[in-house]
Amino acid sequence: MKVIFSHGLPFFLAHGGVQTLIEALGAGLRELGVEVEPERWWDDAQTGDVLHYFGRPRGLNVRLAHAKGFKVVMTELLDQTASRSGARLFVQKQLIRAARRLLGPMTGRLGWDVYGELDALVYAVPYELAVAHYLFGAPLQRARIIPHGLDPSALADLQSATPEGADLLCVATIHPRKNSVLLAEAARLAQVPVTFVGKPYAESDPYFARFRNLVDDRYVRFAGFLAEEEKRRRLRAARGFVLLSQQESGGIAVYEAAAAGLPLLLPDLPWAREGYPESERIRFTALDGPARVARRLKEFYEQAHRSAGEPTFPVPSWQDVAREYREVYRSVLADGSRPPRDAASPR
């Protein structure tokens, strides 16, 4: 079995969770004997059995892949779309219907109709699949929920005992989507020490400058990007974990914090409420301004303590994740039929 990975955004332009997913899944599949290589767009002789897109492809790509004998699998991270309110999703659905009716084939480049042509769809969390089904008619019978994971060595390391420190930890890119400035402002108001681990997409980003102006090395500490071993040590030594993102698709940093046994403070949004197994050690806050977030941050900090060796919720390994993906590949390869073309798909 040979699988080709395709992703539209180069990692050197934007690091993050998708890069971790692709690299870790590829390594896990190779350990299971699955041949994996990246799409070589310049190589007209590249061959394979499964073309695996990370992100929504165009319908034309899928049809051309089928014509070449590939099965096509998509992993979609619908974090931004799925984080919209029910009212906004309803409006979006009506706009999609109107555009399809009025513009017909001209909407093909948007990929709205590709769902009916894919051999399999994978989502990290159930609510994103529900949104894809609601908006785009993603076929539930061809969809799988496969969460993210961690390396077995990381799982063991994160669960080991370490003396508890005084800080809460936030592991995230410094970016408006992560609400880094909001958390820094709240930490200073609450007088709660929070260490930020991560880096911006660009040092020249004005938002990063705003964040750096809030770093006082007392309540707002900035550790920057850390090697994996040091990041895991910081997680083990933290009192708790905070992430106030507007949207996530699973959020690998949350998995790491859960594996370390840290209590979690997350935003009261669908990605946080519905993206993880239930746990009494997960708290939520509305993103309603620094002062109110500060009060909840202070309450969380006063009760936060790590439970070494007791994950906040169960976290699979990347090998477990790779086995589930291998079953998806095997299933589509065993099915000789083609997904039925959606009636609205452009010819």
Protein backbone atom coordinates (compact mmCIF):
# COMPACT_ATOMS: atom_id res chain seq x y z
CA MET A 1 0.00 0.00 0.00
CA LYS A 2 1.34 3.41 -0.98
CA VAL A 3 -0.20 6.65 0.28
CA ILE A 4 0.56 10.12 -1.06
CA PHE A 5 0.05 13.07 1.32
CA SER A 6 -1.09 16.40 -0.12
CA HIS A 7 -1.33 19.70 1.76
CA GLY A 8 -1.82 23.10 0.20
CA LEU A 9 0.09 25.34 2.64
CA PRO A 10 3.90 25.00 2.96
CA PHE A 11 5.08 24.47 6.53
CA PHE A 12 7.70 27.20 6.17
CA LEU A 13 4.84 29.71 5.83
CA ALA A 14 2.76 28.49 8.79
CA HIS A 15 3.83 26.01 11.43
CA GLY A 16 1.32 24.41 13.77
CA GLY A 17 -0.90 21.45 14.48
CA VAL A 18 -1.43 20.36 10.86
CA GLN A 19 2.32 20.00 10.42
CA THR A 20 2.51 17.90 13.59
CA LEU A 21 -0.39 15.73 12.41
CA ILE A 22 1.10 15.10 8.96
CA GLU A 23 4.60 14.37 10.24
CA ALA A 24 3.48 12.15 13.12
CA LEU A 25 0.92 10.25 11.07
CA GLY A 26 3.44 9.64 8.30
CA ALA A 27 5.97 8.28 10.78
CA GLY A 28 3.35 6.06 12.44
CA LEU A 29 2.17 4.64 9.13
CA ARG A 30 5.72 3.84 8.03
CA GLU A 31 6.22 1.91 11.27
CA LEU A 32 3.17 -0.15 10.28
CA GLY A 33 4.67 -0.92 6.88
CA VAL A 34 2.64 1.61 4.88
CA GLU A 35 4.64 3.45 2.23
CA VAL A 36 4.07 7.20 2.57
CA GLU A 37 5.47 10.06 0.53
CA PRO A 38 4.52 13.70 -0.10
CA GLU A 39 2.82 14.77 -3.29
CA ARG A 40 5.44 15.68 -5.90
CA TRP A 41 3.46 18.12 -8.01
CA TRP A 42 6.28 18.33 -10.56
CA ASP A 43 6.53 14.53 -11.06
CA ASP A 44 4.11 13.23 -13.69
CA ALA A 45 5.29 9.67 -13.03
CA GLN A 46 4.44 9.54 -9.31
CA THR A 47 2.31 6.53 -8.44
CA GLY A 48 0.34 5.32 -5.43
CA ASP A 49 -2.84 3.71 -4.18
CA VAL A 50 -4.36 6.41 -1.97
CA LEU A 51 -4.18 10.17 -2.36
CA HIS A 52 -4.70 11.67 1.10
CA TYR A 53 -5.59 15.37 1.22
CA PHE A 54 -5.19 17.38 4.41
CA GLY A 55 -7.74 20.06 3.71
CA ARG A 56 -10.49 20.26 1.12
CA PRO A 57 -9.39 19.54 -2.48
CA ARG A 58 -11.10 20.73 -5.62
CA GLY A 59 -13.55 18.32 -7.20
CA LEU A 60 -11.49 18.33 -10.40
CA ASN A 61 -8.48 16.98 -8.48
CA VAL A 62 -10.56 14.16 -7.03
CA ARG A 63 -12.01 13.20 -10.41
CA LEU A 64 -8.58 13.22 -12.04
CA ALA A 65 -7.22 11.08 -9.18
CA HIS A 66 -10.05 8.58 -9.63
CA ALA A 67 -9.32 8.45 -13.35
CA LYS A 68 -5.72 7.52 -12.51
CA GLY A 69 -6.90 4.73 -10.20
CA PHE A 70 -6.35 6.44 -6.85
CA LYS A 71 -8.70 6.26 -3.91
CA VAL A 72 -9.06 9.69 -2.33
CA VAL A 73 -9.22 10.38 1.43
CA MET A 74 -9.58 13.78 3.05
CA THR A 75 -8.76 14.85 6.59
CA GLU A 76 -10.55 18.14 7.17
CA LEU A 77 -9.91 20.47 10.09
CA LEU A 78 -13.00 22.68 10.14
CA ASP A 79 -12.00 24.63 13.23
CA GLN A 80 -12.84 28.12 12.02
CA THR A 81 -16.13 27.22 10.33
CA ALA A 82 -17.30 24.93 13.13
CA SER A 83 -16.71 27.64 15.73
CA ARG A 84 -19.40 29.89 14.26
CA SER A 85 -22.67 30.31 16.07
CA GLY A 86 -25.77 28.36 15.06
CA ALA A 87 -27.27 31.51 13.56
CA ARG A 88 -24.19 32.21 11.45
CA LEU A 89 -24.07 28.59 10.27
CA PHE A 90 -27.73 28.82 9.25
CA VAL A 91 -27.04 31.97 7.23
CA GLN A 92 -24.00 30.34 5.64
CA LYS A 93 -26.07 27.32 4.64
CA GLN A 94 -28.67 29.52 2.97
CA LEU A 95 -25.97 31.44 1.12
CA ILE A 96 -24.41 28.19 -0.12
CA ARG A 97 -27.79 27.00 -1.36
CA ALA A 98 -28.43 30.29 -3.14
CA ALA A 99 -24.97 30.33 -4.73
CA ARG A 100 -25.38 26.78 -5.98
CA ARG A 101 -28.77 27.62 -7.44
CA LEU A 102 -27.71 30.88 -9.10
CA LEU A 103 -24.09 30.20 -10.06
CA GLY A 104 -24.10 26.44 -10.60
CA PRO A 105 -20.73 25.15 -11.92
CA MET A 106 -19.03 28.45 -11.08
CA THR A 107 -18.95 27.36 -7.41
CA GLY A 108 -16.78 24.33 -8.24
CA ARG A 109 -13.57 26.03 -7.16
CA LEU A 110 -14.96 26.43 -3.64
CA GLY A 111 -15.05 22.66 -3.17
CA TRP A 112 -18.57 22.56 -1.73
CA ASP A 113 -19.51 19.55 -3.84
CA VAL A 114 -16.35 17.52 -3.33
CA TYR A 115 -17.70 15.70 -0.27
CA GLY A 116 -19.89 13.40 -2.34
CA GLU A 117 -16.92 12.37 -4.50
CA LEU A 118 -14.42 11.44 -1.79
CA ASP A 119 -13.88 7.80 -0.87
CA ALA A 120 -13.48 8.61 2.84
CA LEU A 121 -13.56 11.65 5.12
CA VAL A 122 -11.81 11.98 8.48
CA TYR A 123 -12.44 14.52 11.26
CA ALA A 124 -10.64 14.89 14.56
CA VAL A 125 -13.78 15.72 16.53
CA PRO A 126 -17.46 14.77 16.04
CA TYR A 127 -18.91 18.29 16.01
CA GLU A 128 -16.82 19.24 12.95
CA LEU A 129 -18.26 16.31 11.04
CA ALA A 130 -21.74 17.41 12.12
CA VAL A 131 -21.06 20.90 10.73
CA ALA A 132 -19.67 19.49 7.45
CA HIS A 133 -22.79 17.36 7.11
CA TYR A 134 -25.08 20.31 7.88
CA LEU A 135 -23.41 22.79 5.52
CA PHE A 136 -22.10 20.64 2.71
CA GLY A 137 -23.93 17.33 2.96
CA ALA A 138 -20.79 15.39 3.93
CA PRO A 139 -21.86 11.71 3.78
CA LEU A 140 -21.86 10.29 7.31
CA GLN A 141 -21.54 6.70 6.08
CA ARG A 142 -18.12 7.49 4.59
CA ALA A 143 -16.81 9.53 7.53
CA ARG A 144 -14.61 8.55 10.48
CA ILE A 145 -13.67 10.33 13.69
CA ILE A 146 -9.97 9.87 14.44
CA PRO A 147 -8.49 12.06 17.19
CA HIS A 148 -4.94 13.32 17.37
CA GLY A 149 -2.33 11.52 19.47
CA LEU A 150 1.11 11.74 21.03
CA ASP A 151 4.28 9.70 20.73
CA PRO A 152 4.45 6.83 23.27
CA SER A 153 7.69 8.27 24.65
CA ALA A 154 5.98 11.65 25.12
CA LEU A 155 3.02 10.02 26.88
CA ALA A 156 5.36 8.27 29.32
CA ASP A 157 7.46 11.39 29.88
CA LEU A 158 4.46 13.64 30.48
CA GLN A 159 3.06 11.29 33.12
CA SER A 160 6.23 11.14 35.21
CA ALA A 161 6.46 12.95 38.56
CA THR A 162 7.96 16.46 38.78
CA PRO A 163 7.82 19.00 41.64
CA GLU A 164 4.97 21.44 41.03
CA GLY A 165 5.88 24.98 40.04
CA ALA A 166 3.94 28.20 40.46
CA ASP A 167 2.95 28.95 36.85
CA LEU A 168 0.09 28.14 34.57
CA LEU A 169 1.23 27.24 31.06
CA CYS A 170 -0.09 28.24 27.64
CA VAL A 171 1.39 26.44 24.64
CA ALA A 172 0.31 28.15 21.43
CA THR A 173 1.41 30.27 18.51
CA ILE A 174 1.31 33.96 19.45
CA HIS A 175 -1.57 34.97 17.21
CA PRO A 176 -4.99 36.67 17.43
CA ARG A 177 -6.71 33.32 16.84
CA LYS A 178 -5.12 32.05 20.07
CA ASN A 179 -6.12 35.20 22.05
CA SER A 180 -2.59 35.52 23.43
CA VAL A 181 -3.02 39.21 24.23
CA LEU A 182 -6.34 38.64 26.01
CA LEU A 183 -4.76 35.97 28.22
CA ALA A 184 -1.72 38.14 28.96
CA GLU A 185 -3.94 41.08 29.93
CA ALA A 186 -6.05 38.82 32.15
CA ALA A 187 -2.97 37.32 33.81
CA ARG A 188 -1.70 40.78 34.77
CA LEU A 189 -5.10 41.85 36.10
CA ALA A 190 -5.49 38.62 38.08
CA GLN A 191 -1.84 38.66 39.22
CA VAL A 192 -1.57 35.02 38.16
CA PRO A 193 1.74 33.86 36.63
CA VAL A 194 1.30 32.45 33.12
CA THR A 195 4.19 31.23 30.99
CA PHE A 196 3.63 31.36 27.23
CA VAL A 197 5.40 28.76 25.11
CA GLY A 198 5.35 29.29 21.35
CA LYS A 199 6.33 31.74 18.66
CA PRO A 200 4.60 34.06 16.19
CA TYR A 201 4.27 33.31 12.50
CA ALA A 202 6.48 36.35 11.93
CA GLU A 203 8.60 38.40 14.36
CA SER A 204 7.38 41.58 12.64
CA ASP A 205 3.70 40.84 13.35
CA PRO A 206 2.12 43.88 15.11
CA TYR A 207 0.06 41.52 17.28
CA PHE A 208 3.28 39.92 18.52
CA ALA A 209 4.57 43.39 19.39
CA ARG A 210 1.42 44.03 21.45
CA PHE A 211 2.00 40.76 23.26
CA ARG A 212 5.68 41.49 23.93
CA ASN A 213 4.71 44.81 25.52
CA LEU A 214 2.67 42.86 28.10
CA VAL A 215 5.55 40.55 29.09
CA ASP A 216 6.68 41.61 32.58
CA ASP A 217 8.47 38.39 33.66
CA ARG A 218 6.30 38.33 36.75
CA TYR A 219 2.77 37.51 35.65
CA VAL A 220 3.39 37.25 31.92
CA ARG A 221 6.46 35.21 31.04
CA PHE A 222 7.49 34.37 27.49
CA ALA A 223 9.60 31.25 26.98
CA GLY A 224 9.45 31.30 23.18
CA PHE A 225 9.69 28.14 21.13
CA LEU A 226 11.10 25.20 23.15
CA ALA A 227 12.53 21.83 22.24
CA GLU A 228 10.13 18.95 22.93
CA GLU A 229 11.98 17.72 26.04
CA GLU A 230 11.96 21.16 27.65
CA LYS A 231 8.34 21.78 26.69
CA ARG A 232 7.31 18.51 28.33
CA ARG A 233 9.31 19.41 31.46
CA ARG A 234 7.47 22.72 31.66
CA LEU A 235 4.14 20.93 31.30
CA ARG A 236 5.00 18.52 34.10
CA ALA A 237 6.02 21.41 36.37
CA ALA A 238 2.96 23.58 35.68
CA ARG A 239 -0.03 23.95 38.01
CA GLY A 240 -2.47 24.04 35.13
CA PHE A 241 -2.94 24.75 31.44
CA VAL A 242 -4.78 27.64 29.77
CA LEU A 243 -5.73 28.06 26.12
CA LEU A 244 -8.23 30.70 25.00
CA SER A 245 -8.27 29.99 21.24
CA GLN A 246 -11.18 31.08 19.11
CA GLN A 247 -11.02 27.72 17.35
CA GLU A 248 -9.07 24.45 17.36
CA SER A 249 -9.39 21.07 15.67
CA GLY A 250 -8.49 18.86 18.58
CA GLY A 251 -5.56 21.03 19.63
CA ILE A 252 -2.45 18.90 20.15
CA ALA A 253 -1.24 21.16 22.97
CA VAL A 254 -4.45 20.31 24.85
CA TYR A 255 -3.70 16.61 24.39
CA GLU A 256 -0.21 17.16 25.81
CA ALA A 257 -1.56 19.02 28.84
CA ALA A 258 -4.18 16.32 29.42
CA ALA A 259 -1.54 13.59 29.20
CA ALA A 260 0.49 15.47 31.84
CA GLY A 261 -2.51 15.42 34.19
CA LEU A 262 -3.01 19.18 34.20
CA PRO A 263 -6.36 20.84 34.91
CA LEU A 264 -7.49 22.79 31.86
CA LEU A 265 -9.05 26.23 31.47
CA LEU A 266 -10.55 26.50 27.99
CA PRO A 267 -12.99 28.92 26.30
CA ASP A 268 -16.70 28.28 26.41
CA LEU A 269 -16.81 27.46 22.70
CA PRO A 270 -17.83 24.33 20.73
CA TRP A 271 -14.25 23.24 20.01
CA ALA A 272 -13.51 23.08 23.73
CA ARG A 273 -16.88 21.87 25.05
CA GLU A 274 -17.40 19.16 22.43
CA GLY A 275 -13.88 18.35 21.29
CA TYR A 276 -12.67 16.23 24.23
CA PRO A 277 -13.90 13.50 26.58
CA GLU A 278 -15.76 14.85 29.59
CA SER A 279 -13.65 15.52 32.66
CA GLU A 280 -14.29 17.23 35.98
CA ARG A 281 -10.86 18.82 35.62
CA ILE A 282 -11.79 20.94 32.60
CA ARG A 283 -13.10 24.44 33.29
CA PHE A 284 -14.51 26.95 30.80
CA THR A 285 -14.57 30.72 30.50
CA ALA A 286 -16.41 33.12 28.24
CA LEU A 287 -14.14 35.38 26.20
CA ASP A 288 -15.87 38.51 27.45
CA GLY A 289 -12.97 40.84 28.11
CA PRO A 290 -9.79 40.89 30.22
CA ALA A 291 -11.44 41.81 33.55
CA ARG A 292 -13.99 38.98 33.52
CA VAL A 293 -11.50 36.46 32.17
CA ALA A 294 -9.11 37.56 34.93
CA ARG A 295 -11.65 36.67 37.63
CA ARG A 296 -12.12 33.17 36.22
CA LEU A 297 -8.38 32.79 35.72
CA LYS A 298 -7.81 33.65 39.39
CA GLU A 299 -10.45 31.14 40.53
CA PHE A 300 -8.94 28.45 38.31
CA TYR A 301 -5.41 29.15 39.55
CA GLU A 302 -6.37 28.90 43.21
CA GLN A 303 -7.69 25.36 42.69
CA ALA A 304 -5.29 24.14 39.98
CA HIS A 305 -2.91 21.31 40.78
CA ARG A 306 -1.41 18.65 38.56
CA SER A 307 -2.22 14.95 39.02
CA ALA A 308 0.96 13.13 37.93
CA GLY A 309 0.24 9.79 36.27
CA GLU A 310 -3.48 10.53 35.98
CA PRO A 311 -4.35 11.97 32.54
CA THR A 312 -7.10 14.58 32.52
CA PHE A 313 -8.71 12.51 29.76
CA PRO A 314 -7.44 9.46 27.81
CA VAL A 315 -4.92 10.36 25.08
CA PRO A 316 -4.08 7.87 22.29
CA SER A 317 -0.63 7.38 20.81
CA TRP A 318 0.21 8.32 17.23
CA GLN A 319 0.61 4.59 16.59
CA ASP A 320 -3.03 4.10 17.63
CA VAL A 321 -4.01 6.94 15.31
CA ALA A 322 -1.96 5.48 12.45
CA ARG A 323 -3.68 2.10 12.85
CA GLU A 324 -7.07 3.76 12.48
CA TYR A 325 -5.98 5.58 9.34
CA ARG A 326 -4.54 2.35 7.94
CA GLU A 327 -7.97 0.77 8.38
CA VAL A 328 -9.52 3.67 6.46
CA TYR A 329 -7.09 3.09 3.58
CA ARG A 330 -7.72 -0.64 3.61
CA SER A 331 -11.45 -0.10 3.60
CA VAL A 332 -11.48 2.23 0.59
CA LEU A 333 -9.07 0.01 -1.33
CA ALA A 334 -11.26 -3.02 -0.67
CA ASP A 335 -14.30 -1.15 -2.01
CA GLY A 336 -14.09 -1.24 -5.78
CA SER A 337 -17.00 1.12 -6.26
CA ARG A 338 -16.76 4.85 -6.84
CA PRO A 339 -18.64 7.29 -4.60
CA PRO A 340 -21.74 8.47 -6.43
CA ARG A 341 -21.30 11.87 -8.08
CA ASP A 342 -23.28 14.55 -6.30
CA ALA A 343 -26.03 15.79 -8.58
CA ALA A 344 -24.85 19.37 -8.02
CA SER A 345 -21.21 18.61 -8.89
CA PRO A 346 -19.84 20.42 -11.96
CA ARG A 347 -19.28 18.17 -14.95
